[in-house]
Amino acid sequence: MKTFNTLVSEYSQQITEIMPWDLEEKLASDKPPLLLDIREPYEFDSMRIKDSINVPRGILETACEYDFEETVPELVEARDKEIVVICRSGNRSVFAAHVMQLMGYTQVSSLKTGLRGWNDYEQPLINAAGKVDIDDAEEYFTPKLRPEQLQPTK
């Protein structure tokens, strides 16, 4: 049996990961990448990188193809464009980048450390009201595990 962390480790060896400072540089270029945030809509609404699009991980494969209710034409037509996949911590984006490579995307990468790392690097996040305070983002990204979610000790 493979654990979540084992799968993330295996798939991360098969994709390209970039750090927040790499993304900052790419966004400042004359040809910035498509930013694909694969978190759930409620997460995306809470905070995101400016100009990112939201396609939840659960519908990614059909969003990448025509003839589905979830089809996102901008994404379907980006198979040869640079895409950076974003999630909360850089784990779900590894899975998404991996499957997108299998689907023929040639310039897809994952934001290592995710939005947590982006915020730690003190880069801007926005929501519908405007800029998100860096301390509010830090609080949002701090894990809040309930006791029953922790692995039992033996």
C-alpha atoms as a PDB file:
ATOM      1  CA  MET A   1       0.000   0.000   0.000  1.00  0.00           C
ATOM      2  CA  LYS A   2       1.238   3.484  -0.855  1.00  0.00           C
ATOM      3  CA  THR A   3       0.542   6.474   1.334  1.00  0.00           C
ATOM      4  CA  PHE A   4      -0.367   9.961   0.155  1.00  0.00           C
ATOM      5  CA  ASN A   5       3.148  11.182   0.960  1.00  0.00           C
ATOM      6  CA  THR A   6       4.700   8.271  -0.940  1.00  0.00           C
ATOM      7  CA  LEU A   7       2.636   9.102  -4.019  1.00  0.00           C
ATOM      8  CA  VAL A   8       3.512  12.791  -3.785  1.00  0.00           C
ATOM      9  CA  SER A   9       7.191  11.881  -3.546  1.00  0.00           C
ATOM     10  CA  GLU A  10       7.019   9.499  -6.517  1.00  0.00           C
ATOM     11  CA  TYR A  11       5.075  11.884  -8.769  1.00  0.00           C
ATOM     12  CA  SER A  12       7.202  14.889  -7.844  1.00  0.00           C
ATOM     13  CA  GLN A  13      10.151  13.049  -9.414  1.00  0.00           C
ATOM     14  CA  GLN A  14       8.235  12.924 -12.705  1.00  0.00           C
ATOM     15  CA  ILE A  15       7.223  16.585 -12.975  1.00  0.00           C
ATOM     16  CA  THR A  16       8.788  20.023 -12.776  1.00  0.00           C
ATOM     17  CA  GLU A  17       8.362  21.973  -9.550  1.00  0.00           C
ATOM     18  CA  ILE A  18       9.152  25.654  -9.199  1.00  0.00           C
ATOM     19  CA  MET A  19       9.674  27.763  -6.103  1.00  0.00           C
ATOM     20  CA  PRO A  20       7.734  30.945  -5.280  1.00  0.00           C
ATOM     21  CA  TRP A  21      10.654  33.179  -6.342  1.00  0.00           C
ATOM     22  CA  ASP A  22      10.720  31.401  -9.710  1.00  0.00           C
ATOM     23  CA  LEU A  23       7.018  32.105 -10.168  1.00  0.00           C
ATOM     24  CA  GLU A  24       7.509  35.734  -9.140  1.00  0.00           C
ATOM     25  CA  GLU A  25      10.093  36.048 -11.918  1.00  0.00           C
ATOM     26  CA  LYS A  26       7.854  34.338 -14.476  1.00  0.00           C
ATOM     27  CA  LEU A  27       4.930  36.614 -13.597  1.00  0.00           C
ATOM     28  CA  ALA A  28       7.107  39.686 -14.151  1.00  0.00           C
ATOM     29  CA  SER A  29       8.102  38.510 -17.642  1.00  0.00           C
ATOM     30  CA  ASP A  30       6.507  39.680 -20.875  1.00  0.00           C
ATOM     31  CA  LYS A  31       4.875  36.244 -21.291  1.00  0.00           C
ATOM     32  CA  PRO A  32       3.576  35.100 -17.892  1.00  0.00           C
ATOM     33  CA  PRO A  33       2.304  31.539 -17.458  1.00  0.00           C
ATOM     34  CA  LEU A  34      -1.300  30.484 -17.067  1.00  0.00           C
ATOM     35  CA  LEU A  35      -1.950  30.098 -13.327  1.00  0.00           C
ATOM     36  CA  LEU A  36      -4.165  27.108 -12.604  1.00  0.00           C
ATOM     37  CA  ASP A  37      -5.438  26.947  -9.030  1.00  0.00           C
ATOM     38  CA  ILE A  38      -6.843  23.475  -8.419  1.00  0.00           C
ATOM     39  CA  ARG A  39      -8.170  24.035  -4.909  1.00  0.00           C
ATOM     40  CA  GLU A  40     -11.857  23.853  -4.102  1.00  0.00           C
ATOM     41  CA  PRO A  41     -13.950  26.942  -4.955  1.00  0.00           C
ATOM     42  CA  TYR A  42     -14.329  27.955  -1.290  1.00  0.00           C
ATOM     43  CA  GLU A  43     -10.525  27.893  -0.919  1.00  0.00           C
ATOM     44  CA  PHE A  44     -10.046  29.881  -4.131  1.00  0.00           C
ATOM     45  CA  ASP A  45     -12.624  32.466  -3.015  1.00  0.00           C
ATOM     46  CA  SER A  46     -10.803  32.896   0.314  1.00  0.00           C
ATOM     47  CA  MET A  47      -7.517  33.867  -1.351  1.00  0.00           C
ATOM     48  CA  ARG A  48      -5.608  33.341  -4.548  1.00  0.00           C
ATOM     49  CA  ILE A  49      -2.861  34.713  -6.765  1.00  0.00           C
ATOM     50  CA  LYS A  50      -4.106  37.489  -9.041  1.00  0.00           C
ATOM     51  CA  ASP A  51      -5.157  36.331 -12.527  1.00  0.00           C
ATOM     52  CA  SER A  52      -5.292  32.638 -11.615  1.00  0.00           C
ATOM     53  CA  ILE A  53      -8.152  30.483 -12.846  1.00  0.00           C
ATOM     54  CA  ASN A  54      -9.907  27.950 -10.655  1.00  0.00           C
ATOM     55  CA  VAL A  55     -10.452  24.386 -11.828  1.00  0.00           C
ATOM     56  CA  PRO A  56     -10.931  22.091  -8.836  1.00  0.00           C
ATOM     57  CA  ARG A  57      -8.822  18.932  -8.870  1.00  0.00           C
ATOM     58  CA  GLY A  58     -11.942  16.773  -8.944  1.00  0.00           C
ATOM     59  CA  ILE A  59     -12.933  17.970 -12.433  1.00  0.00           C
ATOM     60  CA  LEU A  60      -9.491  18.668 -13.878  1.00  0.00           C
ATOM     61  CA  GLU A  61      -9.450  15.901 -16.470  1.00  0.00           C
ATOM     62  CA  THR A  62     -12.801  16.860 -17.998  1.00  0.00           C
ATOM     63  CA  ALA A  63     -11.956  20.570 -17.796  1.00  0.00           C
ATOM     64  CA  CYS A  64      -8.914  19.791 -19.986  1.00  0.00           C
ATOM     65  CA  GLU A  65     -11.052  18.303 -22.779  1.00  0.00           C
ATOM     66  CA  TYR A  66     -13.816  19.574 -25.036  1.00  0.00           C
ATOM     67  CA  ASP A  67     -17.357  18.172 -24.929  1.00  0.00           C
ATOM     68  CA  PHE A  68     -17.840  18.137 -21.148  1.00  0.00           C
ATOM     69  CA  GLU A  69     -19.895  20.427 -18.937  1.00  0.00           C
ATOM     70  CA  GLU A  70     -16.676  21.178 -17.029  1.00  0.00           C
ATOM     71  CA  THR A  71     -14.698  22.120 -20.175  1.00  0.00           C
ATOM     72  CA  VAL A  72     -12.554  25.233 -19.734  1.00  0.00           C
ATOM     73  CA  PRO A  73     -11.591  26.276 -23.295  1.00  0.00           C
ATOM     74  CA  GLU A  74      -8.670  28.415 -22.088  1.00  0.00           C
ATOM     75  CA  LEU A  75      -7.218  25.321 -20.435  1.00  0.00           C
ATOM     76  CA  VAL A  76      -7.961  22.936 -23.318  1.00  0.00           C
ATOM     77  CA  GLU A  77      -6.135  25.269 -25.705  1.00  0.00           C
ATOM     78  CA  ALA A  78      -3.096  25.638 -23.433  1.00  0.00           C
ATOM     79  CA  ARG A  79      -1.459  22.235 -24.044  1.00  0.00           C
ATOM     80  CA  ASP A  80       1.688  23.898 -25.425  1.00  0.00           C
ATOM     81  CA  LYS A  81       1.625  26.945 -23.152  1.00  0.00           C
ATOM     82  CA  GLU A  82       3.386  27.363 -19.843  1.00  0.00           C
ATOM     83  CA  ILE A  83       1.086  26.470 -16.957  1.00  0.00           C
ATOM     84  CA  VAL A  84       1.832  26.621 -13.241  1.00  0.00           C
ATOM     85  CA  VAL A  85      -0.469  24.491 -11.109  1.00  0.00           C
ATOM     86  CA  ILE A  86      -1.203  25.849  -7.646  1.00  0.00           C
ATOM     87  CA  CYS A  87      -2.733  24.402  -4.494  1.00  0.00           C
ATOM     88  CA  ARG A  88      -2.509  25.072  -0.774  1.00  0.00           C
ATOM     89  CA  SER A  89       0.777  23.343   0.041  1.00  0.00           C
ATOM     90  CA  GLY A  90       2.151  21.990  -3.224  1.00  0.00           C
ATOM     91  CA  ASN A  91       0.916  18.420  -2.894  1.00  0.00           C
ATOM     92  CA  ARG A  92      -2.359  18.312  -4.843  1.00  0.00           C
ATOM     93  CA  SER A  93      -0.647  20.329  -7.563  1.00  0.00           C
ATOM     94  CA  VAL A  94       1.917  17.518  -7.984  1.00  0.00           C
ATOM     95  CA  PHE A  95      -0.914  15.095  -8.801  1.00  0.00           C
ATOM     96  CA  ALA A  96      -2.536  17.598 -11.159  1.00  0.00           C
ATOM     97  CA  ALA A  97       0.696  18.397 -12.994  1.00  0.00           C
ATOM     98  CA  HIS A  98       1.403  14.684 -13.347  1.00  0.00           C
ATOM     99  CA  VAL A  99      -1.986  13.895 -14.874  1.00  0.00           C
ATOM    100  CA  MET A 100      -1.788  16.949 -17.146  1.00  0.00           C
ATOM    101  CA  GLN A 101       1.542  15.679 -18.492  1.00  0.00           C
ATOM    102  CA  LEU A 102      -0.136  12.346 -19.217  1.00  0.00           C
ATOM    103  CA  MET A 103      -2.834  14.303 -21.083  1.00  0.00           C
ATOM    104  CA  GLY A 104      -0.272  15.989 -23.338  1.00  0.00           C
ATOM    105  CA  TYR A 105       0.497  19.264 -21.569  1.00  0.00           C
ATOM    106  CA  THR A 106       4.117  20.005 -22.413  1.00  0.00           C
ATOM    107  CA  GLN A 107       5.018  22.957 -20.166  1.00  0.00           C
ATOM    108  CA  VAL A 108       3.216  22.273 -16.908  1.00  0.00           C
ATOM    109  CA  SER A 109       4.834  22.701 -13.506  1.00  0.00           C
ATOM    110  CA  SER A 110       3.735  22.673  -9.884  1.00  0.00           C
ATOM    111  CA  LEU A 111       4.284  25.492  -7.399  1.00  0.00           C
ATOM    112  CA  LYS A 112       6.374  23.766  -4.733  1.00  0.00           C
ATOM    113  CA  THR A 113       5.195  24.847  -1.260  1.00  0.00           C
ATOM    114  CA  GLY A 114       1.906  26.065  -2.786  1.00  0.00           C
ATOM    115  CA  LEU A 115       0.155  29.186  -1.586  1.00  0.00           C
ATOM    116  CA  ARG A 116       1.568  28.653   1.895  1.00  0.00           C
ATOM    117  CA  GLY A 117       5.062  29.131   0.504  1.00  0.00           C
ATOM    118  CA  TRP A 118       3.913  31.992  -1.721  1.00  0.00           C
ATOM    119  CA  ASN A 119       2.592  33.758   1.372  1.00  0.00           C
ATOM    120  CA  ASP A 120       5.741  32.905   3.378  1.00  0.00           C
ATOM    121  CA  TYR A 121       7.733  34.521   0.559  1.00  0.00           C
ATOM    122  CA  GLU A 122       5.518  37.580   1.189  1.00  0.00           C
ATOM    123  CA  GLN A 123       3.930  37.634  -2.234  1.00  0.00           C
ATOM    124  CA  PRO A 124       0.456  39.137  -2.688  1.00  0.00           C
ATOM    125  CA  LEU A 125      -2.772  37.199  -2.416  1.00  0.00           C
ATOM    126  CA  ILE A 126      -6.194  38.593  -3.267  1.00  0.00           C
ATOM    127  CA  ASN A 127      -9.855  37.824  -2.752  1.00  0.00           C
ATOM    128  CA  ALA A 128     -13.063  39.507  -3.937  1.00  0.00           C
ATOM    129  CA  ALA A 129     -12.501  42.388  -1.493  1.00  0.00           C
ATOM    130  CA  GLY A 130      -8.937  43.054  -2.676  1.00  0.00           C
ATOM    131  CA  LYS A 131      -5.554  42.324  -1.155  1.00  0.00           C
ATOM    132  CA  VAL A 132      -5.388  39.732   1.643  1.00  0.00           C
ATOM    133  CA  ASP A 133      -3.392  40.647   4.748  1.00  0.00           C
ATOM    134  CA  ILE A 134      -0.271  38.466   5.039  1.00  0.00           C
ATOM    135  CA  ASP A 135      -1.009  37.617   8.693  1.00  0.00           C
ATOM    136  CA  ASP A 136      -4.592  36.645   7.866  1.00  0.00           C
ATOM    137  CA  ALA A 137      -3.250  34.373   5.137  1.00  0.00           C
ATOM    138  CA  GLU A 138      -0.772  32.818   7.557  1.00  0.00           C
ATOM    139  CA  GLU A 139      -3.590  32.063   9.992  1.00  0.00           C
ATOM    140  CA  TYR A 140      -5.705  30.611   7.161  1.00  0.00           C
ATOM    141  CA  PHE A 141      -2.890  28.306   6.030  1.00  0.00           C
ATOM    142  CA  THR A 142      -2.045  27.053   9.531  1.00  0.00           C
ATOM    143  CA  PRO A 143      -3.308  23.453   9.819  1.00  0.00           C
ATOM    144  CA  LYS A 144      -6.193  22.981  12.221  1.00  0.00           C
ATOM    145  CA  LEU A 145      -6.335  19.255  12.830  1.00  0.00           C
ATOM    146  CA  ARG A 146      -8.921  17.818  15.188  1.00  0.00           C
ATOM    147  CA  PRO A 147      -7.757  15.074  17.582  1.00  0.00           C
ATOM    148  CA  GLU A 148      -9.573  12.365  15.607  1.00  0.00           C
ATOM    149  CA  GLN A 149      -7.607  13.367  12.492  1.00  0.00           C
ATOM    150  CA  LEU A 150      -4.259  12.596  14.118  1.00  0.00           C
ATOM    151  CA  GLN A 151      -2.671   9.175  13.746  1.00  0.00           C
ATOM    152  CA  PRO A 152      -3.156   7.193  16.942  1.00  0.00           C
ATOM    153  CA  THR A 153      -0.054   6.582  19.027  1.00  0.00           C
ATOM    154  CA  LYS A 154       0.758   3.000  19.918  1.00  0.00           C
END
